[in-house]
Amino acid sequence: MSFNTTYGLLFEITLFHNYFLNNGKDAYTGMSTDDQKKMLQKFDSDSFTTIIPTIETNTQLKNYKMILKKTKMGFRVYIKSKEGIENESFIKTPLDLKLDFIITINDYQFENYTDLEFTLNRMFLFSNVKPLSEPVDFKYIPDINDNILISNDYLVSEKTTIDLISKLQPLEKQGVFGLVSLTLKGDNSQDIIASSGKMLSPSFKINFDNRKTLWKYINRKTGTEIVTILPKPLTYSGFVEINPTNDFDPSQNEANQYPNPSVKSITKISGNYCSEIFI
């Protein structure tokens, strides 16, 4: 007699970043389906982040016959299903079971091209359950279809940060940018498993926005500088055209060339981020 082992999807995390998905001024969300597919073919979330389960969560994954599968856009967690019932887990799982995944940043330029303010004393939390130490306006992890960009509203307080970090093992505490923390029974109907034991298989999305900066063109020969009136988007792909008449005050010579900046040279002046381009 043979038995087939079947695993059903428990939940999925999709990680997007508009710096890599937008094409110049063209937003990924406004592209055609074919163009979106082309951008996704080049996209890999591992180019800027690493997400791994905590040591405790690794143990829980093994105990409850769960498997973590990495994808180019995040990861999925599967759980062993009852024979012939794909949406019901083989082992009864407690609804208060919590799975935590540590997010670290592996691109030193991430802060330059990501539209966030960074602080050493607070971490980002993407969760379907509000910690007791957080206010009522706590921001829950967005669902896959939510058109929500990650902002500093997802930073938790210093108190919550200290509490979350204290529960990690010593080797896990270094370089933590944030946590994905999901409980099987979530708040606000963000459940992963229903009270009946049926797997709901939700998909969640963490979508970072690309930073927009003022573009400062520095002419070393003449010792002059000109700065765009409005911030321009930083993107990995595409080219943002500069209009010398409309983008500068006073307007500039249309015959001049205005290249796009790299993400390496960014300064903050009077609260505004500025990209420096030497011409």
Protein backbone atom coordinates (compact mmCIF):
# COMPACT_ATOMS: atom_id res chain seq x y z
CA MET A 1 0.00 0.00 0.00
CA SER A 2 1.39 3.45 -0.91
CA PHE A 3 0.58 6.81 0.57
CA ASN A 4 0.89 10.17 -1.16
CA THR A 5 2.08 13.05 1.02
CA THR A 6 0.23 16.24 0.13
CA TYR A 7 1.05 19.75 1.28
CA GLY A 8 -1.37 22.66 1.14
CA LEU A 9 -0.47 26.34 1.04
CA LEU A 10 -0.64 27.85 4.53
CA PHE A 11 0.23 31.44 3.51
CA GLU A 12 2.35 33.42 1.08
CA ILE A 13 4.46 36.57 1.49
CA THR A 14 5.17 38.72 -1.58
CA LEU A 15 7.91 41.32 -1.32
CA PHE A 16 7.93 44.14 -3.90
CA HIS A 17 10.11 47.21 -4.37
CA ASN A 18 9.20 49.98 -6.81
CA TYR A 19 12.85 50.90 -7.34
CA PHE A 20 13.24 47.63 -9.24
CA LEU A 21 9.71 47.29 -10.63
CA ASN A 22 9.09 50.80 -11.96
CA ASN A 23 10.59 51.81 -15.30
CA GLY A 24 11.69 55.44 -15.14
CA LYS A 25 8.52 57.42 -14.52
CA ASP A 26 6.33 54.47 -15.50
CA ALA A 27 4.86 52.84 -12.39
CA TYR A 28 4.64 49.05 -12.28
CA THR A 29 0.98 49.22 -11.26
CA GLY A 30 0.12 51.18 -14.42
CA MET A 31 1.92 48.84 -16.83
CA SER A 32 0.29 46.35 -19.15
CA THR A 33 0.23 42.72 -18.05
CA ASP A 34 3.01 41.87 -20.52
CA ASP A 35 5.22 44.70 -19.30
CA GLN A 36 4.65 43.70 -15.68
CA LYS A 37 5.75 40.15 -16.52
CA LYS A 38 8.93 41.52 -18.08
CA MET A 39 9.74 43.53 -14.96
CA LEU A 40 9.03 40.54 -12.71
CA GLN A 41 11.37 38.34 -14.76
CA LYS A 42 14.25 40.63 -13.73
CA PHE A 43 13.07 41.04 -10.13
CA ASP A 44 14.51 39.11 -7.19
CA SER A 45 13.79 40.16 -3.61
CA ASP A 46 17.05 38.52 -2.52
CA SER A 47 18.90 41.39 -4.23
CA PHE A 48 18.05 43.67 -1.30
CA THR A 49 16.66 41.56 1.57
CA THR A 50 17.08 38.27 3.34
CA ILE A 51 14.14 36.73 5.20
CA ILE A 52 14.68 33.69 7.42
CA PRO A 53 12.60 32.00 10.12
CA THR A 54 13.68 32.50 13.72
CA ILE A 55 15.22 29.52 15.48
CA GLU A 56 11.98 29.05 17.44
CA THR A 57 9.89 29.23 14.26
CA ASN A 58 12.17 26.71 12.56
CA THR A 59 11.33 24.30 15.36
CA GLN A 60 7.60 24.99 14.96
CA LEU A 61 7.82 24.39 11.21
CA LYS A 62 9.31 20.97 11.84
CA ASN A 63 6.91 20.08 14.66
CA TYR A 64 3.81 20.86 12.62
CA LYS A 65 5.09 19.37 9.33
CA MET A 66 5.45 22.71 7.58
CA ILE A 67 7.79 23.52 4.68
CA LEU A 68 9.16 26.94 3.75
CA LYS A 69 9.72 27.55 0.04
CA LYS A 70 11.62 30.60 -1.19
CA THR A 71 10.40 32.41 -4.31
CA LYS A 72 11.88 35.28 -6.33
CA MET A 73 9.24 37.51 -4.77
CA GLY A 74 9.28 36.30 -1.16
CA PHE A 75 8.33 32.93 0.28
CA ARG A 76 5.50 30.46 0.87
CA VAL A 77 4.81 28.18 3.81
CA TYR A 78 3.11 24.84 3.17
CA ILE A 79 1.72 22.37 5.70
CA LYS A 80 1.16 18.63 5.45
CA SER A 81 -2.50 17.98 4.65
CA LYS A 82 -4.86 15.18 5.55
CA GLU A 83 -5.00 12.49 2.92
CA GLY A 84 -7.53 13.56 0.30
CA ILE A 85 -8.25 16.90 2.06
CA GLU A 86 -5.76 19.46 0.79
CA ASN A 87 -7.12 22.42 2.80
CA GLU A 88 -7.01 20.72 6.21
CA SER A 89 -3.75 20.16 8.07
CA PHE A 90 -2.56 16.66 8.98
CA ILE A 91 -1.66 17.78 12.51
CA LYS A 92 -4.14 19.93 14.43
CA THR A 93 -2.46 23.31 14.88
CA PRO A 94 -3.28 25.67 17.78
CA LEU A 95 -4.84 28.90 16.56
CA ASP A 96 -2.45 30.95 18.69
CA LEU A 97 0.59 29.47 16.93
CA LYS A 98 2.87 32.33 15.85
CA LEU A 99 5.51 32.15 13.12
CA ASP A 100 8.23 34.82 13.00
CA PHE A 101 10.62 35.61 10.16
CA ILE A 102 13.57 38.00 10.47
CA ILE A 103 14.13 40.59 7.73
CA THR A 104 17.67 41.87 7.19
CA ILE A 105 18.93 44.20 4.48
CA ASN A 106 21.76 42.92 2.29
CA ASP A 107 22.17 45.95 -0.01
CA TYR A 108 24.11 48.82 1.57
CA GLN A 109 22.36 51.27 -0.77
CA PHE A 110 18.86 50.17 0.29
CA GLU A 111 18.40 53.28 2.44
CA ASN A 112 19.31 55.53 -0.49
CA TYR A 113 16.66 54.25 -2.90
CA THR A 114 13.90 53.32 -0.43
CA ASP A 115 11.31 55.91 0.59
CA LEU A 116 11.61 55.44 4.35
CA GLU A 117 13.14 57.21 7.32
CA PHE A 118 15.46 54.89 9.20
CA THR A 119 16.05 54.77 12.96
CA LEU A 120 18.26 52.60 15.14
CA ASN A 121 15.78 52.25 17.99
CA ARG A 122 12.66 51.07 16.19
CA MET A 123 12.02 48.18 13.84
CA PHE A 124 9.44 47.44 11.17
CA LEU A 125 6.74 44.90 12.00
CA PHE A 126 4.50 43.21 9.45
CA SER A 127 1.93 41.26 11.43
CA ASN A 128 -1.71 40.16 11.43
CA VAL A 129 -1.94 40.63 15.22
CA LYS A 130 -1.45 43.90 17.10
CA PRO A 131 1.06 43.74 19.96
CA LEU A 132 -0.43 44.85 23.29
CA SER A 133 2.10 47.69 23.53
CA GLU A 134 1.01 49.22 20.20
CA PRO A 135 -1.77 51.85 19.75
CA VAL A 136 -5.18 51.16 18.22
CA ASP A 137 -4.06 52.60 14.87
CA PHE A 138 -1.44 49.84 14.48
CA LYS A 139 -0.82 49.06 10.82
CA TYR A 140 -1.46 45.43 9.92
CA ILE A 141 0.40 43.60 7.18
CA PRO A 142 -1.28 44.43 3.85
CA ASP A 143 -3.17 41.79 1.89
CA ILE A 144 -1.94 40.95 -1.60
CA ASN A 145 -4.63 43.05 -3.29
CA ASP A 146 -4.17 46.12 -1.09
CA ASN A 147 -2.61 49.05 -2.92
CA ILE A 148 -0.52 50.00 0.12
CA LEU A 149 3.09 51.17 0.17
CA ILE A 150 5.19 50.55 3.26
CA SER A 151 5.80 53.75 5.20
CA ASN A 152 7.20 54.63 8.61
CA ASP A 153 3.73 53.90 10.00
CA TYR A 154 4.94 50.28 10.10
CA LEU A 155 7.66 51.15 12.59
CA VAL A 156 6.71 49.92 16.05
CA SER A 157 7.56 51.77 19.26
CA GLU A 158 10.87 51.43 21.08
CA LYS A 159 9.08 49.44 23.80
CA THR A 160 7.67 46.94 21.29
CA THR A 161 11.00 46.78 19.48
CA ILE A 162 12.87 45.93 22.69
CA ASP A 163 10.28 43.27 23.53
CA LEU A 164 10.48 41.64 20.09
CA ILE A 165 14.28 41.69 19.98
CA SER A 166 14.51 40.25 23.51
CA LYS A 167 12.72 37.09 22.35
CA LEU A 168 15.34 36.37 19.69
CA GLN A 169 18.42 34.25 20.23
CA PRO A 170 21.71 36.22 20.65
CA LEU A 171 22.93 35.43 17.12
CA GLU A 172 19.60 36.59 15.64
CA LYS A 173 19.64 40.08 17.14
CA GLN A 174 22.22 41.63 14.83
CA GLY A 175 21.11 43.77 11.89
CA VAL A 176 17.36 43.20 12.26
CA PHE A 177 15.43 45.52 9.95
CA GLY A 178 12.04 44.04 10.75
CA LEU A 179 9.90 41.01 11.41
CA VAL A 180 7.15 39.22 9.56
CA SER A 181 5.05 37.86 12.42
CA LEU A 182 1.95 35.83 11.59
CA THR A 183 -0.43 34.10 13.99
CA LEU A 184 -2.82 31.44 12.68
CA LYS A 185 -5.76 33.33 14.21
CA GLY A 186 -5.30 36.96 13.21
CA ASP A 187 -7.07 40.20 14.04
CA ASN A 188 -9.61 41.81 11.71
CA SER A 189 -10.35 38.58 9.81
CA GLN A 190 -6.69 38.16 8.78
CA ASP A 191 -6.88 34.50 9.72
CA ILE A 192 -4.59 31.86 8.25
CA ILE A 193 -6.58 28.89 9.54
CA ALA A 194 -10.30 29.05 10.34
CA SER A 195 -11.66 27.90 13.69
CA SER A 196 -12.95 24.80 11.88
CA GLY A 197 -9.37 23.88 10.96
CA LYS A 198 -9.74 24.76 7.28
CA MET A 199 -6.70 26.42 5.73
CA LEU A 200 -7.55 29.84 4.29
CA SER A 201 -4.21 30.25 2.48
CA PRO A 202 -4.00 34.08 2.55
CA SER A 203 -1.43 36.07 0.57
CA PHE A 204 0.21 39.15 2.05
CA LYS A 205 2.29 41.84 0.35
CA ILE A 206 5.10 44.08 1.58
CA ASN A 207 5.63 46.77 -1.06
CA PHE A 208 8.43 49.31 -0.61
CA ASP A 209 8.36 52.55 -2.59
CA ASN A 210 11.30 54.07 -4.44
CA ARG A 211 12.77 57.29 -3.09
CA LYS A 212 12.33 60.54 -5.00
CA THR A 213 15.08 63.13 -4.73
CA LEU A 214 15.91 66.59 -5.97
CA TRP A 215 18.52 66.26 -8.70
CA LYS A 216 21.47 68.63 -8.30
CA TYR A 217 23.72 69.05 -11.34
CA ILE A 218 27.19 70.25 -10.40
CA ASN A 219 29.41 71.71 -13.12
CA ARG A 220 32.98 71.38 -11.90
CA LYS A 221 34.42 73.53 -14.70
CA THR A 222 32.20 76.55 -14.08
CA GLY A 223 31.63 75.95 -10.38
CA THR A 224 27.86 76.28 -10.82
CA GLU A 225 24.96 74.17 -9.53
CA ILE A 226 21.37 73.77 -10.68
CA VAL A 227 18.67 71.80 -8.88
CA THR A 228 15.38 70.44 -10.18
CA ILE A 229 12.27 72.22 -8.91
CA LEU A 230 10.59 68.95 -7.95
CA PRO A 231 11.93 65.56 -6.78
CA LYS A 232 12.49 62.89 -9.43
CA PRO A 233 12.13 59.11 -8.97
CA LEU A 234 15.13 56.83 -8.58
CA THR A 235 14.71 53.59 -10.53
CA TYR A 236 16.91 50.65 -11.46
CA SER A 237 15.43 50.49 -14.97
CA GLY A 238 14.48 53.11 -17.52
CA PHE A 239 15.46 56.75 -17.95
CA VAL A 240 13.81 59.90 -16.61
CA GLU A 241 13.93 62.73 -19.14
CA ILE A 242 14.79 66.18 -17.82
CA ASN A 243 13.03 69.15 -19.41
CA PRO A 244 15.49 72.07 -19.10
CA THR A 245 12.69 74.60 -19.53
CA ASN A 246 10.24 73.24 -16.98
CA ASP A 247 12.41 71.33 -14.49
CA PHE A 248 14.70 74.20 -13.48
CA ASP A 249 14.21 77.73 -12.23
CA PRO A 250 15.55 79.63 -14.04
CA SER A 251 15.20 77.46 -17.16
CA GLN A 252 18.37 76.04 -18.72
CA ASN A 253 19.85 75.53 -22.15
CA GLU A 254 17.95 72.77 -23.98
CA ALA A 255 21.13 71.70 -25.74
CA ASN A 256 22.72 70.54 -22.49
CA GLN A 257 22.68 66.89 -21.39
CA TYR A 258 21.15 65.93 -18.03
CA PRO A 259 21.98 62.32 -17.05
CA ASN A 260 20.12 60.41 -14.37
CA PRO A 261 21.90 60.05 -10.99
CA SER A 262 23.20 56.88 -9.41
CA VAL A 263 21.87 55.90 -5.99
CA LYS A 264 25.34 56.20 -4.43
CA SER A 265 25.54 59.99 -4.05
CA ILE A 266 22.63 61.21 -1.91
CA THR A 267 22.68 63.98 0.67
CA LYS A 268 20.00 65.49 2.86
CA ILE A 269 19.71 69.28 2.79
CA SER A 270 17.10 71.14 4.87
CA GLY A 271 15.04 67.97 5.19
CA ASN A 272 15.12 67.22 1.44
CA TYR A 273 16.95 64.31 -0.13
CA CYS A 274 19.21 65.38 -2.98
CA SER A 275 21.05 63.37 -5.63
CA GLU A 276 24.30 64.87 -6.86
CA ILE A 277 25.29 64.53 -10.52
CA PHE A 278 28.65 65.90 -11.69
CA ILE A 279 28.66 67.17 -15.25
